[in-house]
Amino acid sequence: MNKQFIFATLLALAAATSPALAQTGAGDIEFRNVAEQEVDVKAADGKVEKKRVAVAKAIPGAEIIYTSTFRNVGKRPAANIQVVNPVPANTVLVGGSAFGENTEITYSADGAKTWATADKVKVKGADGKERPAGISELTHVRWVYRGELAPGKQAAVGFRVVVN
């Protein structure tokens, strides 16, 4: 099967839902990005519950949740699906926040040139020697979907950041 590569560009913190369609011989993938914040909402019974709402205003210290949803709208299974999201400018990735069922999650600190698990990402220090990358040095997150996504099936991946 042909390799599908979905590059999710999350340029604006207040990005609304932005659908995209990637078509290949291996299946058709409908793709959507959302940027949300969790807010406390008081229910009718007085209980306070967390609810996700679209980002209206991102101020320093705010935590933003980026979610990329992909659905196979084709007639054949889709394989080799990769989702790559940059960590938006003026934000820092929240450690351990990346999620995605049935995916392998890796990170980059060099603009998506090389990939490794979070604990294995390296950068060059001021002395020119390699050292482990700090969370604030991670530039991208990548998810590789394991196996095939059947026609009509959907999956989601995402991560959280804090606005500087």
Foldseek 3Di string as FASTA:
>chain_A
DDADEAEDEDADLQDAWDWDWDDDPQFIKIKIKFKWAWDWDQDPVRDTDTDIDRDPDADFFGKIKMKMKMAGQGQHWHANYKYKYWDYPQKFFDPPFKDWPQKDKWWELPQPPDTDHQQPYWDQDPVRDIDRDDRRSTTMMMITHPDIHHHGHMIMIITMIGGD
